[in-house]
C-alpha atoms as a PDB file:
ATOM      1  CA  MET A   1     -13.958  25.180 -21.993  1.00  0.00           C
ATOM      2  CA  ALA A   2     -13.868  21.464 -22.285  1.00  0.00           C
ATOM      3  CA  ILE A   3     -11.132  19.316 -20.870  1.00  0.00           C
ATOM      4  CA  GLU A   4     -10.298  16.740 -23.524  1.00  0.00           C
ATOM      5  CA  ALA A   5      -8.546  13.290 -22.919  1.00  0.00           C
ATOM      6  CA  SER A   6      -5.101  13.091 -23.711  1.00  0.00           C
ATOM      7  CA  GLU A   7      -3.153  10.049 -24.709  1.00  0.00           C
ATOM      8  CA  SER A   8      -0.400  10.908 -22.342  1.00  0.00           C
ATOM      9  CA  ALA A   9      -2.645  11.607 -19.231  1.00  0.00           C
ATOM     10  CA  PRO A  10      -4.180   8.707 -17.385  1.00  0.00           C
ATOM     11  CA  PRO A  11      -7.877   8.700 -16.935  1.00  0.00           C
ATOM     12  CA  GLU A  12      -7.349   9.006 -13.089  1.00  0.00           C
ATOM     13  CA  VAL A  13      -5.386  12.093 -13.685  1.00  0.00           C
ATOM     14  CA  MET A  14      -8.021  13.628 -15.986  1.00  0.00           C
ATOM     15  CA  ALA A  15     -10.651  12.842 -13.374  1.00  0.00           C
ATOM     16  CA  GLU A  16      -8.703  14.655 -10.637  1.00  0.00           C
ATOM     17  CA  LEU A  17      -8.183  17.615 -13.098  1.00  0.00           C
ATOM     18  CA  ARG A  18     -11.795  17.761 -13.762  1.00  0.00           C
ATOM     19  CA  GLU A  19     -12.612  17.708 -10.096  1.00  0.00           C
ATOM     20  CA  ALA A  20     -10.057  20.391  -9.434  1.00  0.00           C
ATOM     21  CA  ALA A  21     -11.512  22.435 -12.224  1.00  0.00           C
ATOM     22  CA  ALA A  22     -14.901  22.168 -10.693  1.00  0.00           C
ATOM     23  CA  TYR A  23     -13.929  23.210  -7.372  1.00  0.00           C
ATOM     24  CA  ALA A  24     -11.883  26.196  -8.721  1.00  0.00           C
ATOM     25  CA  VAL A  25     -14.896  27.433 -10.837  1.00  0.00           C
ATOM     26  CA  LYS A  26     -17.283  27.281  -7.944  1.00  0.00           C
ATOM     27  CA  GLY A  27     -14.708  28.773  -5.471  1.00  0.00           C
ATOM     28  CA  VAL A  28     -15.081  25.726  -3.220  1.00  0.00           C
ATOM     29  CA  ARG A  29     -11.986  24.972  -1.030  1.00  0.00           C
ATOM     30  CA  ASP A  30     -12.470  21.312   0.320  1.00  0.00           C
ATOM     31  CA  PRO A  31     -10.075  20.742   3.262  1.00  0.00           C
ATOM     32  CA  ALA A  32      -9.842  17.036   2.467  1.00  0.00           C
ATOM     33  CA  VAL A  33      -8.849  17.674  -1.194  1.00  0.00           C
ATOM     34  CA  MET A  34      -6.448  20.425  -0.176  1.00  0.00           C
ATOM     35  CA  LYS A  35      -4.716  18.105   2.299  1.00  0.00           C
ATOM     36  CA  ARG A  36      -4.489  15.411  -0.483  1.00  0.00           C
ATOM     37  CA  ALA A  37      -3.028  17.851  -2.942  1.00  0.00           C
ATOM     38  CA  CYS A  38      -0.426  19.161  -0.417  1.00  0.00           C
ATOM     39  CA  GLU A  39       0.661  15.482   0.462  1.00  0.00           C
ATOM     40  CA  GLU A  40       0.970  14.664  -3.198  1.00  0.00           C
ATOM     41  CA  MET A  41       3.073  17.867  -3.657  1.00  0.00           C
ATOM     42  CA  ASP A  42       5.284  17.154  -0.783  1.00  0.00           C
ATOM     43  CA  ARG A  43       5.775  13.536  -2.081  1.00  0.00           C
ATOM     44  CA  LEU A  44       6.558  14.806  -5.515  1.00  0.00           C
ATOM     45  CA  ARG A  45       8.988  17.489  -4.161  1.00  0.00           C
ATOM     46  CA  ALA A  46      10.935  14.837  -2.175  1.00  0.00           C
ATOM     47  CA  LYS A  47      11.088  12.472  -5.112  1.00  0.00           C
ATOM     48  CA  ASN A  48      12.358  15.364  -7.360  1.00  0.00           C
ATOM     49  CA  ALA A  49      14.831  16.345  -4.689  1.00  0.00           C
ATOM     50  CA  LYS A  50      16.388  12.809  -4.834  1.00  0.00           C
ATOM     51  CA  LEU A  51      16.338  12.568  -8.534  1.00  0.00           C
ATOM     52  CA  TYR A  52      17.735  16.180  -9.036  1.00  0.00           C
ATOM     53  CA  PRO A  53      19.672  17.228  -5.986  1.00  0.00           C
ATOM     54  CA  GLY A  54      20.459  20.910  -5.791  1.00  0.00           C
ATOM     55  CA  ALA A  55      17.595  21.777  -8.255  1.00  0.00           C
ATOM     56  CA  ASP A  56      15.691  23.630  -5.621  1.00  0.00           C
ATOM     57  CA  VAL A  57      18.502  26.299  -5.196  1.00  0.00           C
ATOM     58  CA  GLY A  58      16.951  28.402  -7.679  1.00  0.00           C
ATOM     59  CA  VAL A  59      13.706  28.405  -5.712  1.00  0.00           C
ATOM     60  CA  ASP A  60      15.521  29.646  -2.543  1.00  0.00           C
ATOM     61  CA  ILE A  61      17.347  32.272  -4.256  1.00  0.00           C
ATOM     62  CA  ILE A  62      14.108  33.635  -5.939  1.00  0.00           C
ATOM     63  CA  ARG A  63      12.311  33.552  -2.495  1.00  0.00           C
ATOM     64  CA  GLU A  64      15.395  35.288  -0.944  1.00  0.00           C
ATOM     65  CA  MET A  65      15.418  38.128  -3.585  1.00  0.00           C
ATOM     66  CA  ARG A  66      11.646  38.498  -3.459  1.00  0.00           C
ATOM     67  CA  ASP A  67      11.757  38.770   0.337  1.00  0.00           C
ATOM     68  CA  SER A  68      14.503  41.200   0.411  1.00  0.00           C
ATOM     69  CA  ARG A  69      12.704  43.366  -2.323  1.00  0.00           C
ATOM     70  CA  THR A  70       9.596  43.196  -0.270  1.00  0.00           C
ATOM     71  CA  VAL A  71      11.479  44.449   2.801  1.00  0.00           C
ATOM     72  CA  ASP A  72      13.126  47.222   0.706  1.00  0.00           C
ATOM     73  CA  ILE A  73       9.702  48.306  -0.584  1.00  0.00           C
ATOM     74  CA  LEU A  74       8.213  48.237   2.989  1.00  0.00           C
ATOM     75  CA  ARG A  75      11.102  50.311   4.293  1.00  0.00           C
ATOM     76  CA  ALA A  76      10.713  52.931   1.527  1.00  0.00           C
ATOM     77  CA  ALA A  77       7.148  53.100   2.248  1.00  0.00           C
ATOM     78  CA  LEU A  78       7.621  53.618   5.951  1.00  0.00           C
ATOM     79  CA  ASP A  79      10.285  56.226   5.096  1.00  0.00           C
ATOM     80  CA  GLY A  80       7.748  57.964   2.818  1.00  0.00           C
ATOM     81  CA  LYS A  81       9.986  57.674  -0.083  1.00  0.00           C
END
C-alpha cells in the first residue's frame, strides 16, 4: 500500500511515517529511532497535560480496571476455576 501525501501532513511528518512503516515491515527495532519516538511521545503527553488537565484520568481508570481484571483472571486460574 502506498502512503500518499496529504495537504494536512507536512513533508517531514510524511517522511517519518514512511521511515516508521519501512522499519515495521522489516521488523527492525532501531534503538535510536525508538528513543526519539519515546521522547517525542513524552513531550506531546506533557504538552497535552498542560492544555487539557485531568484528561489522563480515563487512562488511569482503564489501566486500573485492566490490571484488576488481570489479577482476577490469574487468581481464578490458580484456584482452578
